[in-house]
PDB file of N, CA and C in Angstrom:
ATOM      1  N   MET A   1    -146.692 -18.922  11.922  1.00  0.00           N
ATOM      2  CA  MET A   1    -146.018 -18.682  13.184  1.00  0.00           C
ATOM      3  C   MET A   1    -144.673 -19.423  13.176  1.00  0.00           C
ATOM      4  N   THR A   2    -143.678 -18.776  13.569  1.00  0.00           N
ATOM      5  CA  THR A   2    -142.344 -19.381  13.542  1.00  0.00           C
ATOM      6  C   THR A   2    -142.157 -20.334  14.731  1.00  0.00           C
ATOM      7  N   THR A   3    -141.218 -21.230  14.612  1.00  0.00           N
ATOM      8  CA  THR A   3    -140.898 -22.180  15.660  1.00  0.00           C
ATOM      9  C   THR A   3    -140.520 -21.431  16.951  1.00  0.00           C
ATOM     10  N   GLU A   4    -139.752 -20.376  16.767  1.00  0.00           N
ATOM     11  CA  GLU A   4    -139.332 -19.627  17.954  1.00  0.00           C
ATOM     12  C   GLU A   4    -140.518 -18.991  18.644  1.00  0.00           C
ATOM     13  N   SER A   5    -141.481 -18.431  17.906  1.00  0.00           N
ATOM     14  CA  SER A   5    -142.615 -17.806  18.589  1.00  0.00           C
ATOM     15  C   SER A   5    -143.495 -18.900  19.252  1.00  0.00           C
ATOM     16  N   ILE A   6    -143.591 -20.077  18.646  1.00  0.00           N
ATOM     17  CA  ILE A   6    -144.319 -21.194  19.278  1.00  0.00           C
ATOM     18  C   ILE A   6    -143.648 -21.611  20.565  1.00  0.00           C
ATOM     19  N   ARG A   7    -142.338 -21.693  20.516  1.00  0.00           N
ATOM     20  CA  ARG A   7    -141.543 -22.080  21.697  1.00  0.00           C
ATOM     21  C   ARG A   7    -141.782 -21.072  22.862  1.00  0.00           C
ATOM     22  N   HIS A   8    -141.821 -19.750  22.518  1.00  0.00           N
ATOM     23  CA  HIS A   8    -142.044 -18.723  23.544  1.00  0.00           C
ATOM     24  C   HIS A   8    -143.459 -18.848  24.086  1.00  0.00           C
ATOM     25  N   LYS A   9    -144.453 -19.089  23.235  1.00  0.00           N
ATOM     26  CA  LYS A   9    -145.820 -19.218  23.724  1.00  0.00           C
ATOM     27  C   LYS A   9    -145.966 -20.420  24.648  1.00  0.00           C
ATOM     28  N   LEU A  10    -145.331 -21.540  24.258  1.00  0.00           N
ATOM     29  CA  LEU A  10    -145.415 -22.768  25.081  1.00  0.00           C
ATOM     30  C   LEU A  10    -144.708 -22.505  26.433  1.00  0.00           C
ATOM     31  N   TYR A  11    -143.548 -21.861  26.380  1.00  0.00           N
ATOM     32  CA  TYR A  11    -142.799 -21.594  27.586  1.00  0.00           C
ATOM     33  C   TYR A  11    -143.674 -20.714  28.554  1.00  0.00           C
ATOM     34  N   ASP A  12    -144.253 -19.644  27.984  1.00  0.00           N
ATOM     35  CA  ASP A  12    -145.114 -18.790  28.788  1.00  0.00           C
ATOM     36  C   ASP A  12    -146.319 -19.529  29.371  1.00  0.00           C
ATOM     37  N   TYR A  13    -146.896 -20.394  28.547  1.00  0.00           N
ATOM     38  CA  TYR A  13    -148.084 -21.171  28.979  1.00  0.00           C
ATOM     39  C   TYR A  13    -147.681 -22.116  30.130  1.00  0.00           C
ATOM     40  N   ILE A  14    -146.595 -22.854  29.982  1.00  0.00           N
ATOM     41  CA  ILE A  14    -146.161 -23.848  30.943  1.00  0.00           C
ATOM     42  C   ILE A  14    -145.813 -23.182  32.304  1.00  0.00           C
ATOM     43  N   ARG A  15    -145.290 -21.966  32.250  1.00  0.00           N
ATOM     44  CA  ARG A  15    -144.932 -21.268  33.473  1.00  0.00           C
ATOM     45  C   ARG A  15    -146.139 -21.044  34.391  1.00  0.00           C
ATOM     46  N   VAL A  16    -147.303 -20.888  33.811  1.00  0.00           N
ATOM     47  CA  VAL A  16    -148.502 -20.516  34.618  1.00  0.00           C
ATOM     48  C   VAL A  16    -149.629 -21.572  34.540  1.00  0.00           C
ATOM     49  N   ALA A  17    -149.422 -22.632  33.826  1.00  0.00           N
ATOM     50  CA  ALA A  17    -150.466 -23.613  33.661  1.00  0.00           C
ATOM     51  C   ALA A  17    -150.710 -24.398  34.962  1.00  0.00           C
ATOM     52  N   GLU A  18    -151.965 -24.925  35.102  1.00  0.00           N
ATOM     53  CA  GLU A  18    -152.294 -25.697  36.271  1.00  0.00           C
ATOM     54  C   GLU A  18    -151.482 -26.995  36.284  1.00  0.00           C
ATOM     55  N   ASP A  19    -151.213 -27.520  37.465  1.00  0.00           N
ATOM     56  CA  ASP A  19    -150.411 -28.722  37.669  1.00  0.00           C
ATOM     57  C   ASP A  19    -150.948 -29.885  36.816  1.00  0.00           C
ATOM     58  N   LYS A  20    -152.287 -30.035  36.775  1.00  0.00           N
ATOM     59  CA  LYS A  20    -152.944 -31.126  36.064  1.00  0.00           C
ATOM     60  C   LYS A  20    -152.573 -31.042  34.573  1.00  0.00           C
ATOM     61  N   LYS A  21    -152.544 -29.861  34.002  1.00  0.00           N
ATOM     62  CA  LYS A  21    -152.229 -29.688  32.601  1.00  0.00           C
ATOM     63  C   LYS A  21    -150.739 -29.938  32.337  1.00  0.00           C
ATOM     64  N   ILE A  22    -149.890 -29.512  33.245  1.00  0.00           N
ATOM     65  CA  ILE A  22    -148.453 -29.797  33.104  1.00  0.00           C
ATOM     66  C   ILE A  22    -148.215 -31.288  33.080  1.00  0.00           C
ATOM     67  N   LYS A  23    -148.837 -32.000  34.001  1.00  0.00           N
ATOM     68  CA  LYS A  23    -148.687 -33.471  34.074  1.00  0.00           C
ATOM     69  C   LYS A  23    -149.189 -34.111  32.779  1.00  0.00           C
ATOM     70  N   ALA A  24    -150.297 -33.618  32.245  1.00  0.00           N
ATOM     71  CA  ALA A  24    -150.845 -34.172  30.988  1.00  0.00           C
ATOM     72  C   ALA A  24    -149.855 -33.973  29.805  1.00  0.00           C
ATOM     73  N   ILE A  25    -149.313 -32.779  29.715  1.00  0.00           N
ATOM     74  CA  ILE A  25    -148.345 -32.465  28.673  1.00  0.00           C
ATOM     75  C   ILE A  25    -147.113 -33.341  28.787  1.00  0.00           C
ATOM     76  N   TYR A  26    -146.689 -33.512  30.038  1.00  0.00           N
ATOM     77  CA  TYR A  26    -145.468 -34.331  30.270  1.00  0.00           C
ATOM     78  C   TYR A  26    -145.722 -35.795  29.900  1.00  0.00           C
ATOM     79  N   THR A  27    -146.914 -36.255  30.257  1.00  0.00           N
ATOM     80  CA  THR A  27    -147.272 -37.647  29.914  1.00  0.00           C
ATOM     81  C   THR A  27    -147.212 -37.911  28.407  1.00  0.00           C
ATOM     82  N   ILE A  28    -147.664 -36.920  27.643  1.00  0.00           N
ATOM     83  CA  ILE A  28    -147.642 -37.044  26.185  1.00  0.00           C
ATOM     84  C   ILE A  28    -146.199 -37.096  25.664  1.00  0.00           C
ATOM     85  N   LEU A  29    -145.335 -36.316  26.289  1.00  0.00           N
ATOM     86  CA  LEU A  29    -143.955 -36.188  25.733  1.00  0.00           C
ATOM     87  C   LEU A  29    -142.900 -36.958  26.508  1.00  0.00           C
ATOM     88  N   ASP A  30    -143.281 -37.661  27.557  1.00  0.00           N
ATOM     89  CA  ASP A  30    -142.337 -38.340  28.455  1.00  0.00           C
ATOM     90  C   ASP A  30    -141.309 -39.223  27.737  1.00  0.00           C
ATOM     91  N   GLU A  31    -141.749 -40.086  26.897  1.00  0.00           N
ATOM     92  CA  GLU A  31    -140.833 -41.015  26.191  1.00  0.00           C
ATOM     93  C   GLU A  31    -139.862 -40.239  25.309  1.00  0.00           C
ATOM     94  N   GLU A  32    -140.372 -39.215  24.586  1.00  0.00           N
ATOM     95  CA  GLU A  32    -139.507 -38.445  23.722  1.00  0.00           C
ATOM     96  C   GLU A  32    -138.491 -37.634  24.513  1.00  0.00           C
ATOM     97  N   ILE A  33    -138.931 -37.067  25.624  1.00  0.00           N
ATOM     98  CA  ILE A  33    -137.994 -36.319  26.478  1.00  0.00           C
ATOM     99  C   ILE A  33    -136.893 -37.253  26.977  1.00  0.00           C
ATOM    100  N   ALA A  34    -137.255 -38.399  27.460  1.00  0.00           N
ATOM    101  CA  ALA A  34    -136.279 -39.363  27.997  1.00  0.00           C
ATOM    102  C   ALA A  34    -135.284 -39.785  26.908  1.00  0.00           C
ATOM    103  N   ALA A  35    -135.767 -40.058  25.706  1.00  0.00           N
ATOM    104  CA  ALA A  35    -134.918 -40.457  24.608  1.00  0.00           C
ATOM    105  C   ALA A  35    -133.936 -39.317  24.210  1.00  0.00           C
ATOM    106  N   ASP A  36    -134.418 -38.085  24.205  1.00  0.00           N
ATOM    107  CA  ASP A  36    -133.559 -36.962  23.801  1.00  0.00           C
ATOM    108  C   ASP A  36    -132.472 -36.681  24.841  1.00  0.00           C
ATOM    109  N   HIS A  37    -132.709 -37.018  26.088  1.00  0.00           N
ATOM    110  CA  HIS A  37    -131.748 -36.709  27.133  1.00  0.00           C
ATOM    111  C   HIS A  37    -130.895 -37.876  27.565  1.00  0.00           C
ATOM    112  N   ASP A  38    -130.996 -39.009  26.931  1.00  0.00           N
ATOM    113  CA  ASP A  38    -130.216 -40.176  27.263  1.00  0.00           C
ATOM    114  C   ASP A  38    -128.961 -40.223  26.387  1.00  0.00           C
ATOM    115  N   HIS A  39    -128.065 -39.289  26.601  1.00  0.00           N
ATOM    116  CA  HIS A  39    -126.881 -39.149  25.743  1.00  0.00           C
ATOM    117  C   HIS A  39    -125.953 -40.338  25.813  1.00  0.00           C
ATOM    118  N   TRP A  40    -125.944 -41.024  26.927  1.00  0.00           N
ATOM    119  CA  TRP A  40    -125.001 -42.131  27.121  1.00  0.00           C
ATOM    120  C   TRP A  40    -125.348 -43.312  26.218  1.00  0.00           C
ATOM    121  N   ASN A  41    -126.521 -43.367  25.704  1.00  0.00           N
ATOM    122  CA  ASN A  41    -126.877 -44.426  24.749  1.00  0.00           C
ATOM    123  C   ASN A  41    -126.721 -43.994  23.295  1.00  0.00           C
ATOM    124  N   ASN A  42    -126.233 -42.757  23.094  1.00  0.00           N
ATOM    125  CA  ASN A  42    -125.986 -42.224  21.762  1.00  0.00           C
ATOM    126  C   ASN A  42    -124.507 -42.509  21.409  1.00  0.00           C
ATOM    127  N   LYS A  43    -124.289 -43.491  20.524  1.00  0.00           N
ATOM    128  CA  LYS A  43    -122.948 -43.910  20.182  1.00  0.00           C
ATOM    129  C   LYS A  43    -122.090 -42.806  19.605  1.00  0.00           C
ATOM    130  N   THR A  44    -122.664 -41.953  18.840  1.00  0.00           N
ATOM    131  CA  THR A  44    -121.889 -40.830  18.209  1.00  0.00           C
ATOM    132  C   THR A  44    -121.439 -39.878  19.301  1.00  0.00           C
ATOM    133  N   PHE A  45    -122.354 -39.553  20.235  1.00  0.00           N
ATOM    134  CA  PHE A  45    -122.008 -38.679  21.335  1.00  0.00           C
ATOM    135  C   PHE A  45    -120.886 -39.233  22.184  1.00  0.00           C
ATOM    136  N   VAL A  46    -121.013 -40.528  22.569  1.00  0.00           N
ATOM    137  CA  VAL A  46    -120.008 -41.170  23.398  1.00  0.00           C
ATOM    138  C   VAL A  46    -118.647 -41.248  22.675  1.00  0.00           C
ATOM    139  N   ALA A  47    -118.695 -41.578  21.399  1.00  0.00           N
ATOM    140  CA  ALA A  47    -117.448 -41.648  20.626  1.00  0.00           C
ATOM    141  C   ALA A  47    -116.752 -40.287  20.552  1.00  0.00           C
ATOM    142  N   GLU A  48    -117.536 -39.200  20.425  1.00  0.00           N
ATOM    143  CA  GLU A  48    -116.935 -37.853  20.394  1.00  0.00           C
ATOM    144  C   GLU A  48    -116.317 -37.513  21.762  1.00  0.00           C
ATOM    145  N   LEU A  49    -116.989 -37.868  22.829  1.00  0.00           N
ATOM    146  CA  LEU A  49    -116.429 -37.646  24.166  1.00  0.00           C
ATOM    147  C   LEU A  49    -115.149 -38.433  24.344  1.00  0.00           C
ATOM    148  N   ASP A  50    -115.157 -39.688  23.930  1.00  0.00           N
ATOM    149  CA  ASP A  50    -113.929 -40.536  24.004  1.00  0.00           C
ATOM    150  C   ASP A  50    -112.780 -39.924  23.215  1.00  0.00           C
ATOM    151  N   LYS A  51    -113.053 -39.397  22.053  1.00  0.00           N
ATOM    152  CA  LYS A  51    -112.037 -38.825  21.220  1.00  0.00           C
ATOM    153  C   LYS A  51    -111.444 -37.579  21.872  1.00  0.00           C
ATOM    154  N   ARG A  52    -112.342 -36.722  22.399  1.00  0.00           N
ATOM    155  CA  ARG A  52    -111.898 -35.474  23.024  1.00  0.00           C
ATOM    156  C   ARG A  52    -111.103 -35.790  24.301  1.00  0.00           C
ATOM    157  N   SER A  53    -111.534 -36.809  25.033  1.00  0.00           N
ATOM    158  CA  SER A  53    -110.819 -37.193  26.267  1.00  0.00           C
ATOM    159  C   SER A  53    -109.428 -37.704  25.899  1.00  0.00           C
ATOM    160  N   ALA A  54    -109.333 -38.536  24.879  1.00  0.00           N
ATOM    161  CA  ALA A  54    -108.064 -39.035  24.456  1.00  0.00           C
ATOM    162  C   ALA A  54    -107.155 -37.952  23.992  1.00  0.00           C
ATOM    163  N   ASP A  55    -107.677 -36.981  23.201  1.00  0.00           N
ATOM    164  CA  ASP A  55    -106.893 -35.835  22.760  1.00  0.00           C
ATOM    165  C   ASP A  55    -106.372 -35.028  23.919  1.00  0.00           C
ATOM    166  N   PHE A  56    -107.181 -34.841  24.928  1.00  0.00           N
ATOM    167  CA  PHE A  56    -106.778 -34.063  26.108  1.00  0.00           C
ATOM    168  C   PHE A  56    -105.689 -34.810  26.869  1.00  0.00           C
ATOM    169  N   LYS A  57    -105.887 -36.093  27.095  1.00  0.00           N
ATOM    170  CA  LYS A  57    -104.890 -36.909  27.851  1.00  0.00           C
ATOM    171  C   LYS A  57    -103.591 -36.988  27.141  1.00  0.00           C
ATOM    172  N   SER A  58    -103.581 -36.996  25.811  1.00  0.00           N
ATOM    173  CA  SER A  58    -102.330 -37.127  25.038  1.00  0.00           C
ATOM    174  C   SER A  58    -101.723 -35.727  24.807  1.00  0.00           C
ATOM    175  N   VAL A  59    -102.301 -34.695  25.328  1.00  0.00           N
ATOM    176  CA  VAL A  59    -101.856 -33.324  25.150  1.00  0.00           C
ATOM    177  C   VAL A  59    -101.879 -32.954  23.694  1.00  0.00           C
ATOM    178  N   LYS A  60    -102.766 -33.563  22.956  1.00  0.00           N
ATOM    179  CA  LYS A  60    -102.913 -33.220  21.517  1.00  0.00           C
ATOM    180  C   LYS A  60    -103.619 -31.839  21.375  1.00  0.00           C
ATOM    181  N   VAL A  61    -104.423 -31.547  22.368  1.00  0.00           N
ATOM    182  CA  VAL A  61    -105.101 -30.246  22.364  1.00  0.00           C
ATOM    183  C   VAL A  61    -104.736 -29.526  23.685  1.00  0.00           C
ATOM    184  N   LYS A  62    -104.731 -28.216  23.618  1.00  0.00           N
ATOM    185  CA  LYS A  62    -104.412 -27.423  24.804  1.00  0.00           C
ATOM    186  C   LYS A  62    -105.725 -27.086  25.524  1.00  0.00           C
ATOM    187  N   ALA A  63    -105.827 -27.453  26.771  1.00  0.00           N
ATOM    188  CA  ALA A  63    -107.033 -27.150  27.510  1.00  0.00           C
ATOM    189  C   ALA A  63    -106.847 -25.811  28.187  1.00  0.00           C
ATOM    190  N   VAL A  64    -107.951 -25.163  28.463  1.00  0.00           N
ATOM    191  CA  VAL A  64    -107.917 -23.881  29.248  1.00  0.00           C
ATOM    192  C   VAL A  64    -108.840 -24.010  30.428  1.00  0.00           C
ATOM    193  N   THR A  65    -108.579 -23.247  31.465  1.00  0.00           N
ATOM    194  CA  THR A  65    -109.411 -23.247  32.639  1.00  0.00           C
ATOM    195  C   THR A  65    -110.705 -22.517  32.346  1.00  0.00           C
ATOM    196  N   TRP A  66    -111.706 -22.682  33.226  1.00  0.00           N
ATOM    197  CA  TRP A  66    -112.956 -21.999  33.075  1.00  0.00           C
ATOM    198  C   TRP A  66    -112.714 -20.491  33.110  1.00  0.00           C
ATOM    199  N   VAL A  67    -111.861 -20.023  34.003  1.00  0.00           N
ATOM    200  CA  VAL A  67    -111.570 -18.615  34.080  1.00  0.00           C
ATOM    201  C   VAL A  67    -110.969 -18.064  32.804  1.00  0.00           C
ATOM    202  N   GLU A  68    -110.028 -18.811  32.225  1.00  0.00           N
ATOM    203  CA  GLU A  68    -109.456 -18.377  30.941  1.00  0.00           C
ATOM    204  C   GLU A  68    -110.499 -18.333  29.848  1.00  0.00           C
ATOM    205  N   ALA A  69    -111.312 -19.363  29.770  1.00  0.00           N
ATOM    206  CA  ALA A  69    -112.370 -19.406  28.735  1.00  0.00           C
ATOM    207  C   ALA A  69    -113.355 -18.234  28.921  1.00  0.00           C
ATOM    208  N   LYS A  70    -113.769 -18.017  30.163  1.00  0.00           N
ATOM    209  CA  LYS A  70    -114.744 -16.909  30.417  1.00  0.00           C
ATOM    210  C   LYS A  70    -114.148 -15.581  30.091  1.00  0.00           C
ATOM    211  N   THR A  71    -112.889 -15.363  30.419  1.00  0.00           N
ATOM    212  CA  THR A  71    -112.187 -14.123  30.119  1.00  0.00           C
ATOM    213  C   THR A  71    -112.151 -13.885  28.596  1.00  0.00           C
ATOM    214  N   LYS A  72    -111.809 -14.958  27.885  1.00  0.00           N
ATOM    215  CA  LYS A  72    -111.722 -14.850  26.416  1.00  0.00           C
ATOM    216  C   LYS A  72    -113.102 -14.546  25.818  1.00  0.00           C
ATOM    217  N   ILE A  73    -114.116 -15.246  26.306  1.00  0.00           N
ATOM    218  CA  ILE A  73    -115.454 -15.046  25.762  1.00  0.00           C
ATOM    219  C   ILE A  73    -115.972 -13.677  26.063  1.00  0.00           C
ATOM    220  N   LEU A  74    -115.890 -13.288  27.301  1.00  0.00           N
ATOM    221  CA  LEU A  74    -116.436 -11.968  27.687  1.00  0.00           C
ATOM    222  C   LEU A  74    -115.550 -10.814  27.121  1.00  0.00           C
ATOM    223  N   GLY A  75    -114.296 -11.080  27.040  1.00  0.00           N
ATOM    224  CA  GLY A  75    -113.380 -10.069  26.510  1.00  0.00           C
ATOM    225  C   GLY A  75    -113.525  -9.843  25.009  1.00  0.00           C
ATOM    226  N   SER A  76    -114.002 -10.879  24.306  1.00  0.00           N
ATOM    227  CA  SER A  76    -114.099 -10.787  22.849  1.00  0.00           C
ATOM    228  C   SER A  76    -115.197  -9.848  22.404  1.00  0.00           C
ATOM    229  N   GLY A  77    -116.129  -9.524  23.281  1.00  0.00           N
ATOM    230  CA  GLY A  77    -117.209  -8.631  22.896  1.00  0.00           C
ATOM    231  C   GLY A  77    -116.902  -7.155  23.168  1.00  0.00           C
ATOM    232  N   LYS A  78    -115.817  -6.913  23.768  1.00  0.00           N
ATOM    233  CA  LYS A  78    -115.484  -5.505  24.081  1.00  0.00           C
ATOM    234  C   LYS A  78    -114.906  -4.809  22.837  1.00  0.00           C
ATOM    235  N   ARG A  79    -115.338  -3.595  22.640  1.00  0.00           N
ATOM    236  CA  ARG A  79    -114.808  -2.798  21.563  1.00  0.00           C
ATOM    237  C   ARG A  79    -113.677  -1.942  22.051  1.00  0.00           C
ATOM    238  N   LYS A  80    -112.696  -1.832  21.235  1.00  0.00           N
ATOM    239  CA  LYS A  80    -111.489  -0.970  21.599  1.00  0.00           C
ATOM    240  C   LYS A  80    -111.892   0.457  21.213  1.00  0.00           C
ATOM    241  N   THR A  81    -111.621   1.333  22.104  1.00  0.00           N
ATOM    242  CA  THR A  81    -111.875   2.775  21.815  1.00  0.00           C
ATOM    243  C   THR A  81    -110.525   3.447  21.601  1.00  0.00           C
ATOM    244  N   LYS A  82    -110.590   4.467  20.756  1.00  0.00           N
ATOM    245  CA  LYS A  82    -109.322   5.189  20.439  1.00  0.00           C
ATOM    246  C   LYS A  82    -109.144   6.296  21.401  1.00  0.00           C
TER     247      LYS A  82
END
């Protein structure tokens, strides 16, 4: 069984499982979940954010608005017809 199919099975199970079972699963994974989501204690992550922030402030990189980014992303999938 692939990781993706396991992920889907777990997702489907969690959506309908009893509260007691959800709490038990969470108790097992609580510390791991907290560690994975505590990005501010990840020195590599914080260093990358600091670098990107400095690049933005020094105008080393050109920023775009959300609307511009969304337009480029959604527009890139369109096929040109003749």
